[in-house]
N, C-alpha and C. Protein backbone atom coordinates (compact mmCIF):
# COMPACT_ATOMS: atom_id res chain seq x y z
N UNK A 1 0.84 -1.19 0.00
CA UNK A 1 0.00 0.00 0.00
C UNK A 1 0.88 1.24 0.00
N UNK A 2 0.56 2.17 -0.86
CA UNK A 2 1.31 3.42 -0.93
C UNK A 2 0.62 4.46 -0.06
N UNK A 3 1.36 5.03 0.89
CA UNK A 3 0.79 6.02 1.80
C UNK A 3 1.67 7.25 1.84
N UNK A 4 1.08 8.37 2.23
CA UNK A 4 1.85 9.59 2.43
C UNK A 4 1.39 10.25 3.72
N UNK A 5 2.27 10.29 4.72
CA UNK A 5 1.95 10.85 6.04
C UNK A 5 0.65 10.25 6.58
N UNK A 6 0.52 8.93 6.44
CA UNK A 6 -0.61 8.22 7.01
C UNK A 6 -1.84 8.14 6.13
N UNK A 7 -1.94 8.90 5.07
CA UNK A 7 -3.10 8.87 4.19
C UNK A 7 -2.81 7.99 2.99
N UNK A 8 -3.75 7.10 2.68
CA UNK A 8 -3.56 6.23 1.53
C UNK A 8 -3.61 7.05 0.24
N UNK A 9 -2.68 6.78 -0.64
CA UNK A 9 -2.64 7.49 -1.91
C UNK A 9 -3.59 6.85 -2.91
N UNK A 10 -4.20 7.68 -3.72
CA UNK A 10 -4.97 7.22 -4.86
C UNK A 10 -4.08 7.33 -6.09
N UNK A 11 -3.93 6.23 -6.80
CA UNK A 11 -3.16 6.23 -8.04
C UNK A 11 -4.12 6.40 -9.19
N UNK A 12 -3.89 7.41 -10.00
CA UNK A 12 -4.79 7.65 -11.13
C UNK A 12 -4.05 7.48 -12.44
N UNK A 13 -4.76 6.97 -13.43
CA UNK A 13 -4.22 6.84 -14.79
C UNK A 13 -5.38 6.97 -15.76
N UNK A 14 -5.08 7.47 -16.94
CA UNK A 14 -6.15 7.80 -17.87
C UNK A 14 -6.76 6.58 -18.55
N UNK A 15 -5.92 5.60 -18.88
CA UNK A 15 -6.37 4.52 -19.76
C UNK A 15 -6.31 3.16 -19.10
N UNK A 16 -7.00 2.20 -19.72
CA UNK A 16 -6.97 0.83 -19.22
C UNK A 16 -5.56 0.26 -19.28
N UNK A 17 -4.80 0.60 -20.30
CA UNK A 17 -3.43 0.13 -20.42
C UNK A 17 -2.60 0.52 -19.21
N UNK A 18 -2.66 1.79 -18.84
CA UNK A 18 -1.88 2.30 -17.71
C UNK A 18 -2.37 1.70 -16.39
N UNK A 19 -3.69 1.59 -16.23
CA UNK A 19 -4.24 1.02 -15.00
C UNK A 19 -3.92 -0.47 -14.89
N UNK A 20 -3.93 -1.18 -15.98
CA UNK A 20 -3.60 -2.61 -15.94
C UNK A 20 -2.18 -2.82 -15.44
N UNK A 21 -1.26 -1.98 -15.90
CA UNK A 21 0.13 -2.09 -15.43
C UNK A 21 0.21 -1.85 -13.93
N UNK A 22 -0.51 -0.86 -13.42
CA UNK A 22 -0.52 -0.58 -11.99
C UNK A 22 -1.13 -1.74 -11.20
N UNK A 23 -2.25 -2.24 -11.68
CA UNK A 23 -2.95 -3.29 -10.93
C UNK A 23 -2.16 -4.60 -10.92
N UNK A 24 -1.43 -4.86 -11.97
CA UNK A 24 -0.63 -6.09 -12.03
C UNK A 24 0.48 -6.06 -10.98
N UNK A 25 1.06 -4.88 -10.77
CA UNK A 25 2.20 -4.76 -9.86
C UNK A 25 1.76 -4.38 -8.45
N UNK A 26 0.64 -3.65 -8.34
CA UNK A 26 0.15 -3.18 -7.03
C UNK A 26 -1.32 -3.57 -6.86
N UNK A 27 -1.61 -4.84 -6.70
CA UNK A 27 -3.01 -5.30 -6.71
C UNK A 27 -3.85 -4.79 -5.56
N UNK A 28 -3.23 -4.35 -4.46
CA UNK A 28 -4.03 -3.88 -3.32
C UNK A 28 -4.15 -2.36 -3.26
N UNK A 29 -3.52 -1.65 -4.17
CA UNK A 29 -3.57 -0.18 -4.16
C UNK A 29 -4.92 0.33 -4.64
N UNK A 30 -5.25 1.55 -4.23
CA UNK A 30 -6.44 2.21 -4.76
C UNK A 30 -6.07 2.84 -6.09
N UNK A 31 -6.64 2.32 -7.16
CA UNK A 31 -6.32 2.77 -8.52
C UNK A 31 -7.61 3.20 -9.20
N UNK A 32 -7.60 4.38 -9.79
CA UNK A 32 -8.79 4.92 -10.45
C UNK A 32 -8.44 5.21 -11.91
N UNK A 33 -9.21 4.61 -12.81
CA UNK A 33 -9.07 4.93 -14.23
C UNK A 33 -9.90 6.18 -14.51
N UNK A 34 -9.22 7.27 -14.83
CA UNK A 34 -9.89 8.57 -14.91
C UNK A 34 -10.44 8.92 -16.27
N UNK A 35 -10.00 8.20 -17.31
CA UNK A 35 -10.26 8.68 -18.66
C UNK A 35 -9.33 9.81 -19.01
N UNK A 36 -9.19 10.09 -20.28
CA UNK A 36 -8.33 11.19 -20.72
C UNK A 36 -8.89 12.51 -20.21
N UNK A 37 -8.02 13.35 -19.66
CA UNK A 37 -8.39 14.65 -19.10
C UNK A 37 -9.39 14.51 -17.94
N UNK A 38 -9.30 13.40 -17.20
CA UNK A 38 -10.15 13.12 -16.05
C UNK A 38 -11.63 13.08 -16.42
N UNK A 39 -11.93 12.73 -17.65
CA UNK A 39 -13.31 12.79 -18.13
C UNK A 39 -14.22 11.80 -17.42
N UNK A 40 -13.67 10.72 -16.87
CA UNK A 40 -14.51 9.68 -16.27
C UNK A 40 -14.51 9.71 -14.75
N UNK A 41 -13.95 10.74 -14.15
CA UNK A 41 -13.92 10.81 -12.69
C UNK A 41 -15.32 11.09 -12.15
N UNK A 42 -15.77 10.18 -11.27
CA UNK A 42 -17.11 10.32 -10.68
C UNK A 42 -17.06 10.27 -9.16
N UNK A 43 -15.87 10.33 -8.59
CA UNK A 43 -15.72 10.19 -7.15
C UNK A 43 -14.58 11.07 -6.67
N UNK A 44 -14.56 11.32 -5.37
CA UNK A 44 -13.44 12.06 -4.80
C UNK A 44 -12.18 11.22 -4.91
N UNK A 45 -11.08 11.85 -5.29
CA UNK A 45 -9.82 11.13 -5.43
C UNK A 45 -9.03 11.10 -4.13
N UNK A 46 -9.48 11.82 -3.12
CA UNK A 46 -8.80 11.80 -1.83
C UNK A 46 -7.78 12.91 -1.69
N UNK A 47 -7.03 12.83 -0.58
CA UNK A 47 -6.09 13.91 -0.24
C UNK A 47 -4.71 13.73 -0.83
N UNK A 48 -4.35 12.50 -1.19
CA UNK A 48 -3.03 12.21 -1.76
C UNK A 48 -3.25 11.53 -3.10
N UNK A 49 -2.85 12.18 -4.17
CA UNK A 49 -3.11 11.67 -5.52
C UNK A 49 -1.81 11.60 -6.30
N UNK A 50 -1.57 10.44 -6.89
CA UNK A 50 -0.38 10.24 -7.72
C UNK A 50 -0.84 9.97 -9.15
N UNK A 51 -0.45 10.85 -10.05
CA UNK A 51 -0.80 10.73 -11.46
C UNK A 51 0.26 9.87 -12.15
N UNK A 52 -0.18 8.76 -12.72
CA UNK A 52 0.76 7.76 -13.26
C UNK A 52 0.51 7.54 -14.76
N UNK A 53 1.56 7.13 -15.45
CA UNK A 53 1.37 6.70 -16.83
C UNK A 53 2.27 7.40 -17.82
N UNK A 54 1.71 7.71 -18.98
CA UNK A 54 2.49 8.15 -20.13
C UNK A 54 2.48 9.67 -20.26
N UNK A 55 3.47 10.17 -20.99
CA UNK A 55 3.58 11.60 -21.27
C UNK A 55 4.26 11.78 -22.61
N UNK A 56 4.19 13.00 -23.12
CA UNK A 56 4.89 13.33 -24.36
C UNK A 56 6.06 14.27 -24.08
N UNK A 57 7.21 13.98 -24.64
CA UNK A 57 8.36 14.88 -24.50
C UNK A 57 8.16 16.08 -25.41
N UNK A 58 8.53 17.25 -24.89
CA UNK A 58 8.36 18.47 -25.67
C UNK A 58 9.64 18.89 -26.39
N UNK A 59 10.76 18.38 -25.93
CA UNK A 59 12.04 18.74 -26.56
C UNK A 59 12.88 17.50 -26.80
N UNK A 60 13.88 17.65 -27.63
CA UNK A 60 14.81 16.55 -27.88
C UNK A 60 15.61 16.26 -26.61
N UNK A 61 16.16 15.07 -26.54
CA UNK A 61 16.96 14.69 -25.39
C UNK A 61 16.18 13.96 -24.32
N UNK A 62 14.89 13.76 -24.53
CA UNK A 62 14.06 12.99 -23.61
C UNK A 62 13.43 11.85 -24.40
N UNK A 63 14.16 10.79 -24.60
CA UNK A 63 13.67 9.71 -25.46
C UNK A 63 12.54 8.91 -24.83
N UNK A 64 11.87 8.13 -25.65
CA UNK A 64 10.86 7.20 -25.16
C UNK A 64 11.45 6.37 -24.02
N UNK A 65 10.72 6.29 -22.92
CA UNK A 65 11.20 5.54 -21.76
C UNK A 65 11.74 6.41 -20.64
N UNK A 66 11.95 7.70 -20.90
CA UNK A 66 12.44 8.61 -19.86
C UNK A 66 11.41 8.73 -18.74
N UNK A 67 11.86 8.57 -17.50
CA UNK A 67 10.97 8.71 -16.33
C UNK A 67 10.99 10.17 -15.88
N UNK A 68 9.81 10.75 -15.76
CA UNK A 68 9.68 12.15 -15.36
C UNK A 68 8.90 12.21 -14.05
N UNK A 69 9.52 12.85 -13.06
CA UNK A 69 8.89 13.07 -11.75
C UNK A 69 8.96 14.57 -11.51
N UNK A 70 8.02 15.33 -12.04
CA UNK A 70 8.14 16.79 -12.00
C UNK A 70 8.00 17.37 -10.61
N UNK A 71 8.72 18.45 -10.38
CA UNK A 71 8.56 19.18 -9.11
C UNK A 71 7.40 20.17 -9.19
N UNK A 72 7.04 20.54 -10.42
CA UNK A 72 5.88 21.43 -10.58
C UNK A 72 5.19 21.13 -11.89
N UNK A 73 3.91 21.46 -11.91
CA UNK A 73 3.05 21.21 -13.07
C UNK A 73 2.28 22.48 -13.36
N UNK A 74 2.20 22.86 -14.61
CA UNK A 74 1.39 24.01 -14.98
C UNK A 74 0.01 23.54 -15.44
N UNK A 75 -1.00 24.10 -14.82
CA UNK A 75 -2.37 23.73 -15.14
C UNK A 75 -2.79 24.36 -16.47
N UNK A 76 -3.85 23.86 -17.10
CA UNK A 76 -4.28 24.42 -18.39
C UNK A 76 -4.52 25.92 -18.37
N UNK A 77 -4.96 26.47 -17.24
CA UNK A 77 -5.22 27.90 -17.15
C UNK A 77 -3.99 28.74 -16.85
N UNK A 78 -2.84 28.09 -16.63
CA UNK A 78 -1.59 28.80 -16.39
C UNK A 78 -1.12 28.81 -14.95
N UNK A 79 -1.97 28.38 -14.00
CA UNK A 79 -1.55 28.31 -12.60
C UNK A 79 -0.53 27.20 -12.40
N UNK A 80 0.28 27.33 -11.37
CA UNK A 80 1.32 26.34 -11.09
C UNK A 80 0.91 25.46 -9.93
N UNK A 81 1.02 24.17 -10.13
CA UNK A 81 0.80 23.18 -9.08
C UNK A 81 2.16 22.69 -8.61
N UNK A 82 2.47 22.89 -7.34
CA UNK A 82 3.71 22.40 -6.76
C UNK A 82 3.49 20.96 -6.32
N UNK A 83 4.28 20.05 -6.85
CA UNK A 83 4.15 18.66 -6.46
C UNK A 83 4.69 18.45 -5.05
N UNK A 84 4.15 17.48 -4.36
CA UNK A 84 4.54 17.21 -2.99
C UNK A 84 6.02 16.81 -2.94
N UNK A 85 6.82 17.60 -2.23
CA UNK A 85 8.28 17.40 -2.25
C UNK A 85 8.68 16.06 -1.67
N UNK A 86 8.00 15.63 -0.61
CA UNK A 86 8.34 14.34 0.00
C UNK A 86 8.11 13.20 -0.96
N UNK A 87 6.96 13.21 -1.63
CA UNK A 87 6.66 12.14 -2.58
C UNK A 87 7.61 12.17 -3.78
N UNK A 88 7.94 13.36 -4.24
CA UNK A 88 8.88 13.47 -5.36
C UNK A 88 10.19 12.77 -5.01
N UNK A 89 10.70 13.02 -3.81
CA UNK A 89 11.98 12.42 -3.43
C UNK A 89 11.87 10.91 -3.24
N UNK A 90 10.75 10.44 -2.73
CA UNK A 90 10.57 9.00 -2.55
C UNK A 90 10.47 8.30 -3.90
N UNK A 91 9.73 8.88 -4.84
CA UNK A 91 9.64 8.28 -6.16
C UNK A 91 10.99 8.33 -6.89
N UNK A 92 11.72 9.41 -6.68
CA UNK A 92 13.05 9.52 -7.29
C UNK A 92 13.97 8.43 -6.77
N UNK A 93 13.90 8.18 -5.45
CA UNK A 93 14.72 7.12 -4.86
C UNK A 93 14.32 5.75 -5.42
N UNK A 94 13.02 5.55 -5.62
CA UNK A 94 12.54 4.31 -6.21
C UNK A 94 13.09 4.12 -7.62
N UNK A 95 13.04 5.19 -8.41
CA UNK A 95 13.57 5.11 -9.78
C UNK A 95 15.05 4.76 -9.77
N UNK A 96 15.80 5.38 -8.89
CA UNK A 96 17.24 5.13 -8.83
C UNK A 96 17.54 3.70 -8.42
N UNK A 97 16.71 3.13 -7.55
CA UNK A 97 16.89 1.73 -7.17
C UNK A 97 16.70 0.81 -8.37
N UNK A 98 15.95 1.28 -9.34
CA UNK A 98 15.75 0.51 -10.58
C UNK A 98 16.81 0.83 -11.63
N UNK A 99 17.77 1.67 -11.25
CA UNK A 99 18.82 2.04 -12.19
C UNK A 99 18.42 3.14 -13.15
N UNK A 100 17.41 3.93 -12.78
CA UNK A 100 16.88 4.98 -13.64
C UNK A 100 17.12 6.33 -12.99
N UNK A 101 17.72 7.26 -13.70
CA UNK A 101 17.84 8.63 -13.20
C UNK A 101 16.67 9.45 -13.76
N UNK A 102 15.76 9.91 -12.90
CA UNK A 102 14.58 10.59 -13.41
C UNK A 102 14.86 12.03 -13.81
N UNK A 103 13.95 12.55 -14.61
CA UNK A 103 13.94 13.96 -14.98
C UNK A 103 12.96 14.67 -14.05
N UNK A 104 13.36 15.83 -13.51
CA UNK A 104 12.52 16.58 -12.58
C UNK A 104 11.96 17.86 -13.21
N UNK A 105 12.16 18.04 -14.50
CA UNK A 105 11.77 19.30 -15.15
C UNK A 105 10.26 19.47 -15.20
N UNK A 106 9.79 20.70 -15.43
CA UNK A 106 8.35 20.98 -15.35
C UNK A 106 7.53 20.24 -16.40
N UNK A 107 6.33 19.87 -15.95
CA UNK A 107 5.33 19.24 -16.81
C UNK A 107 4.21 20.25 -17.02
N UNK A 108 3.60 20.24 -18.19
CA UNK A 108 2.44 21.07 -18.46
C UNK A 108 1.28 20.17 -18.87
N UNK A 109 0.10 20.48 -18.38
CA UNK A 109 -1.09 19.72 -18.74
C UNK A 109 -1.84 20.47 -19.83
N UNK A 110 -2.10 19.77 -20.93
CA UNK A 110 -2.76 20.37 -22.09
C UNK A 110 -4.14 19.75 -22.29
N UNK A 111 -4.94 20.41 -23.08
CA UNK A 111 -6.30 19.93 -23.32
C UNK A 111 -6.41 19.04 -24.55
N UNK A 112 -5.31 18.86 -25.27
CA UNK A 112 -5.31 18.02 -26.46
C UNK A 112 -3.92 17.45 -26.67
N UNK A 113 -3.79 16.50 -27.56
CA UNK A 113 -2.48 15.96 -27.90
C UNK A 113 -1.66 17.06 -28.56
N UNK A 114 -0.44 17.25 -28.09
CA UNK A 114 0.40 18.36 -28.55
C UNK A 114 1.34 17.87 -29.64
N UNK A 115 1.38 18.63 -30.74
CA UNK A 115 2.20 18.25 -31.90
C UNK A 115 2.84 19.49 -32.52
N UNK A 116 3.87 19.26 -33.32
CA UNK A 116 4.42 20.28 -34.19
C UNK A 116 4.78 21.58 -33.52
N UNK A 117 4.26 22.69 -34.06
CA UNK A 117 4.59 24.02 -33.55
C UNK A 117 4.16 24.20 -32.10
N UNK A 118 3.03 23.59 -31.72
CA UNK A 118 2.57 23.71 -30.34
C UNK A 118 3.55 23.04 -29.38
N UNK A 119 4.12 21.94 -29.81
CA UNK A 119 5.12 21.25 -28.99
C UNK A 119 6.36 22.12 -28.84
N UNK A 120 6.81 22.69 -29.93
CA UNK A 120 8.00 23.55 -29.89
C UNK A 120 7.77 24.78 -29.04
N UNK A 121 6.56 25.35 -29.11
CA UNK A 121 6.25 26.54 -28.33
C UNK A 121 6.29 26.25 -26.83
N UNK A 122 5.74 25.12 -26.41
CA UNK A 122 5.77 24.76 -25.00
C UNK A 122 7.19 24.47 -24.53
N UNK A 123 7.97 23.84 -25.38
CA UNK A 123 9.37 23.58 -25.03
C UNK A 123 10.11 24.89 -24.83
N UNK A 124 9.83 25.87 -25.68
CA UNK A 124 10.50 27.17 -25.57
C UNK A 124 10.12 27.90 -24.28
N UNK A 125 8.98 27.55 -23.70
CA UNK A 125 8.56 28.15 -22.43
C UNK A 125 9.18 27.45 -21.22
N UNK A 126 9.97 26.42 -21.47
CA UNK A 126 10.67 25.75 -20.39
C UNK A 126 10.06 24.46 -19.90
N UNK A 127 9.01 24.00 -20.57
CA UNK A 127 8.39 22.73 -20.18
C UNK A 127 9.11 21.57 -20.85
N UNK A 128 9.24 20.48 -20.11
CA UNK A 128 9.92 19.30 -20.65
C UNK A 128 8.95 18.28 -21.23
N UNK A 129 7.82 18.09 -20.54
CA UNK A 129 6.87 17.06 -20.95
C UNK A 129 5.45 17.57 -20.80
N UNK A 130 4.52 16.86 -21.44
CA UNK A 130 3.12 17.25 -21.43
C UNK A 130 2.26 16.02 -21.15
N UNK A 131 1.19 16.22 -20.38
CA UNK A 131 0.17 15.20 -20.24
C UNK A 131 -1.19 15.88 -20.32
N UNK A 132 -2.25 15.13 -20.02
CA UNK A 132 -3.59 15.71 -20.11
C UNK A 132 -4.38 15.53 -18.82
N UNK A 133 -3.69 15.16 -17.72
CA UNK A 133 -4.41 14.88 -16.48
C UNK A 133 -3.86 15.57 -15.24
N UNK A 134 -2.56 15.54 -15.02
CA UNK A 134 -2.01 15.92 -13.72
C UNK A 134 -2.44 17.31 -13.28
N UNK A 135 -2.38 18.27 -14.17
CA UNK A 135 -2.72 19.64 -13.82
C UNK A 135 -4.20 19.87 -13.55
N UNK A 136 -5.02 18.85 -13.76
CA UNK A 136 -6.45 18.96 -13.47
C UNK A 136 -6.79 18.43 -12.08
N UNK A 137 -5.82 17.82 -11.43
CA UNK A 137 -6.07 17.23 -10.11
C UNK A 137 -6.16 18.33 -9.06
N UNK A 138 -7.17 18.22 -8.21
CA UNK A 138 -7.35 19.17 -7.10
C UNK A 138 -7.30 18.37 -5.80
N UNK A 139 -6.14 18.35 -5.17
CA UNK A 139 -5.95 17.60 -3.93
C UNK A 139 -4.84 18.28 -3.13
N UNK A 140 -4.83 18.10 -1.80
CA UNK A 140 -3.79 18.73 -0.98
C UNK A 140 -2.38 18.29 -1.34
N UNK A 141 -2.22 17.03 -1.69
CA UNK A 141 -0.89 16.50 -2.03
C UNK A 141 -0.97 15.78 -3.36
N UNK A 142 -0.17 16.22 -4.31
CA UNK A 142 -0.18 15.65 -5.65
C UNK A 142 1.26 15.36 -6.08
N UNK A 143 1.45 14.24 -6.73
CA UNK A 143 2.74 13.92 -7.36
C UNK A 143 2.45 13.23 -8.68
N UNK A 144 3.46 13.16 -9.52
CA UNK A 144 3.30 12.51 -10.81
C UNK A 144 4.51 11.66 -11.12
N UNK A 145 4.25 10.49 -11.68
CA UNK A 145 5.30 9.63 -12.24
C UNK A 145 4.87 9.32 -13.66
N UNK A 146 5.55 9.95 -14.59
CA UNK A 146 5.18 9.82 -16.01
C UNK A 146 6.38 9.31 -16.81
N UNK A 147 6.09 8.52 -17.82
CA UNK A 147 7.14 7.98 -18.68
C UNK A 147 6.88 8.45 -20.11
N UNK A 148 7.92 8.98 -20.73
CA UNK A 148 7.79 9.53 -22.08
C UNK A 148 7.44 8.43 -23.08
N UNK A 149 6.44 8.72 -23.90
CA UNK A 149 6.10 7.85 -25.03
C UNK A 149 6.45 8.55 -26.34
N UNK A 150 5.69 9.56 -26.73
CA UNK A 150 5.96 10.27 -27.97
C UNK A 150 6.96 11.39 -27.75
N UNK A 151 7.66 11.74 -28.80
CA UNK A 151 8.74 12.73 -28.75
C UNK A 151 8.65 13.65 -29.97
N UNK A 152 9.44 14.73 -30.01
CA UNK A 152 9.43 15.57 -31.22
C UNK A 152 9.83 14.78 -32.47
N UNK A 153 10.67 13.78 -32.28
CA UNK A 153 11.12 12.98 -33.43
C UNK A 153 10.10 11.91 -33.83
N UNK A 154 9.22 11.56 -32.92
CA UNK A 154 8.20 10.55 -33.21
C UNK A 154 6.88 11.01 -32.59
N UNK A 155 6.16 11.81 -33.34
CA UNK A 155 4.88 12.32 -32.87
C UNK A 155 3.77 11.31 -33.17
N UNK A 156 2.68 11.43 -32.43
CA UNK A 156 1.52 10.58 -32.68
C UNK A 156 0.34 11.45 -33.09
N UNK A 157 -0.55 10.84 -33.82
CA UNK A 157 -1.70 11.55 -34.35
C UNK A 157 -2.66 11.97 -33.24
N UNK A 158 -3.32 13.12 -33.43
CA UNK A 158 -4.36 13.54 -32.50
C UNK A 158 -5.51 12.54 -32.46
N UNK A 159 -5.62 11.70 -33.49
CA UNK A 159 -6.69 10.70 -33.54
C UNK A 159 -6.65 9.75 -32.35
N UNK A 160 -5.45 9.58 -31.74
CA UNK A 160 -5.32 8.60 -30.66
C UNK A 160 -6.01 9.03 -29.38
N UNK A 161 -6.54 10.24 -29.35
CA UNK A 161 -7.38 10.61 -28.19
C UNK A 161 -8.60 9.70 -28.15
N UNK A 162 -9.02 9.22 -29.31
CA UNK A 162 -10.12 8.24 -29.41
C UNK A 162 -9.58 7.03 -30.16
N UNK A 163 -8.98 6.08 -29.46
CA UNK A 163 -8.27 4.98 -30.13
C UNK A 163 -9.13 4.18 -31.11
N UNK A 164 -10.40 3.99 -30.76
CA UNK A 164 -11.25 3.20 -31.66
C UNK A 164 -11.45 3.89 -33.00
N UNK A 165 -11.40 5.21 -32.99
CA UNK A 165 -11.48 5.96 -34.24
C UNK A 165 -10.14 5.93 -34.96
N UNK A 166 -9.07 6.10 -34.22
CA UNK A 166 -7.73 6.15 -34.82
C UNK A 166 -7.40 4.88 -35.58
N UNK A 167 -7.75 3.73 -35.01
CA UNK A 167 -7.35 2.46 -35.61
C UNK A 167 -8.11 2.18 -36.91
N UNK A 168 -9.20 2.89 -37.15
CA UNK A 168 -9.95 2.70 -38.39
C UNK A 168 -9.31 3.42 -39.58
N UNK A 169 -8.33 4.27 -39.30
CA UNK A 169 -7.71 5.06 -40.36
C UNK A 169 -6.38 4.42 -40.76
N UNK A 170 -6.26 3.96 -41.99
CA UNK A 170 -5.07 3.21 -42.40
C UNK A 170 -3.76 3.95 -42.17
N UNK A 171 -3.77 5.30 -42.27
CA UNK A 171 -2.51 6.04 -42.09
C UNK A 171 -2.02 5.98 -40.65
N UNK A 172 -2.87 5.54 -39.72
CA UNK A 172 -2.44 5.40 -38.33
C UNK A 172 -1.89 4.00 -38.02
N UNK A 173 -1.98 3.07 -38.95
CA UNK A 173 -1.58 1.70 -38.65
C UNK A 173 -0.10 1.55 -38.30
N UNK A 174 0.82 2.23 -39.00
CA UNK A 174 2.22 2.11 -38.56
C UNK A 174 2.43 2.61 -37.14
N UNK A 175 1.74 3.70 -36.77
CA UNK A 175 1.82 4.19 -35.39
C UNK A 175 1.23 3.17 -34.42
N UNK A 176 0.16 2.50 -34.84
CA UNK A 176 -0.48 1.52 -33.97
C UNK A 176 0.49 0.40 -33.62
N UNK A 177 1.29 -0.03 -34.57
CA UNK A 177 2.25 -1.09 -34.32
C UNK A 177 3.32 -0.63 -33.33
N UNK A 178 3.79 0.60 -33.50
CA UNK A 178 4.80 1.15 -32.58
C UNK A 178 4.21 1.33 -31.19
N UNK A 179 3.00 1.86 -31.11
CA UNK A 179 2.34 2.06 -29.83
C UNK A 179 2.10 0.74 -29.11
N UNK A 180 1.72 -0.29 -29.87
CA UNK A 180 1.47 -1.59 -29.26
C UNK A 180 2.71 -2.15 -28.61
N UNK A 181 3.87 -1.79 -29.11
CA UNK A 181 5.13 -2.25 -28.54
C UNK A 181 5.61 -1.36 -27.40
N UNK A 182 5.58 -0.04 -27.60
CA UNK A 182 6.21 0.87 -26.66
C UNK A 182 5.32 1.33 -25.51
N UNK A 183 4.02 1.49 -25.76
CA UNK A 183 3.15 2.00 -24.70
C UNK A 183 3.09 1.05 -23.49
N UNK A 184 2.94 -0.27 -23.68
CA UNK A 184 2.93 -1.15 -22.50
C UNK A 184 4.25 -1.11 -21.74
N UNK A 185 5.37 -1.01 -22.44
CA UNK A 185 6.66 -0.92 -21.77
C UNK A 185 6.75 0.33 -20.91
N UNK A 186 6.30 1.45 -21.47
CA UNK A 186 6.36 2.71 -20.73
C UNK A 186 5.43 2.68 -19.53
N UNK A 187 4.23 2.14 -19.71
CA UNK A 187 3.27 2.07 -18.60
C UNK A 187 3.80 1.18 -17.48
N UNK A 188 4.44 0.08 -17.84
CA UNK A 188 5.00 -0.81 -16.81
C UNK A 188 6.15 -0.13 -16.07
N UNK A 189 6.96 0.62 -16.78
CA UNK A 189 8.06 1.33 -16.12
C UNK A 189 7.52 2.32 -15.10
N UNK A 190 6.49 3.06 -15.45
CA UNK A 190 5.89 4.00 -14.50
C UNK A 190 5.36 3.25 -13.29
N UNK A 191 4.67 2.13 -13.52
CA UNK A 191 4.10 1.36 -12.43
C UNK A 191 5.18 0.81 -11.50
N UNK A 192 6.29 0.39 -12.04
CA UNK A 192 7.37 -0.16 -11.21
C UNK A 192 8.01 0.93 -10.32
N UNK A 193 8.13 2.12 -10.86
CA UNK A 193 8.66 3.22 -10.04
C UNK A 193 7.71 3.53 -8.90
N UNK A 194 6.40 3.58 -9.19
CA UNK A 194 5.43 3.86 -8.14
C UNK A 194 5.42 2.73 -7.12
N UNK A 195 5.43 1.49 -7.57
CA UNK A 195 5.40 0.35 -6.66
C UNK A 195 6.62 0.34 -5.75
N UNK A 196 7.77 0.71 -6.27
CA UNK A 196 8.99 0.71 -5.48
C UNK A 196 8.95 1.69 -4.33
N UNK A 197 8.10 2.70 -4.43
CA UNK A 197 8.01 3.68 -3.35
C UNK A 197 7.44 3.07 -2.07
N UNK A 198 6.62 2.03 -2.20
CA UNK A 198 6.05 1.40 -1.00
C UNK A 198 7.15 0.83 -0.12
N UNK A 199 8.17 0.27 -0.74
CA UNK A 199 9.27 -0.32 0.02
C UNK A 199 10.13 0.74 0.69
N UNK A 200 9.97 1.99 0.25
CA UNK A 200 10.78 3.09 0.79
C UNK A 200 10.01 3.90 1.84
N UNK A 201 8.83 3.43 2.17
CA UNK A 201 8.09 4.08 3.26
C UNK A 201 7.11 5.13 2.85
N UNK A 202 6.77 5.21 1.56
CA UNK A 202 5.77 6.20 1.13
C UNK A 202 4.39 5.81 1.63
């Protein structure tokens, strides 16, 4: 069980893929599948929330598989969310035990899949990675463990916001093959970092 100062943490992830990785490694944890942009949240997430799963790199030098544990997150409206410092350090220690040096650079939460000029613009503002959930969380203590999937060198179509629609379009099939290989690996890496924190007293 993952706890923070006595309160059980809720682990959130947008998709079934990400939640399956968490549940396989942490079967007793409280895990909530939120949907993209928290669209499926129907309950209180509690006081300690850890946003887990995939992210997109905004600049070069953060390849697929990079573990990101941001110290701060910018919300869609521009406000800054400071991640819980204690949890950040515990997750960082967990990553290092796995032989992974995490990235602590800022994350920004966007309302859509970020590509092309929009990706470059966010990178120029100092953001390293982007997701669609963390900055929407409203809780006293928030942390994120995200693993890079798409990068400036390998972008994914906006169609993947609705996978059942994306897979019907033949031009997305090469991406589908790459995603089928890399997305589960990235989701499992995030889950293992989060799971390792339990052994460190989180």
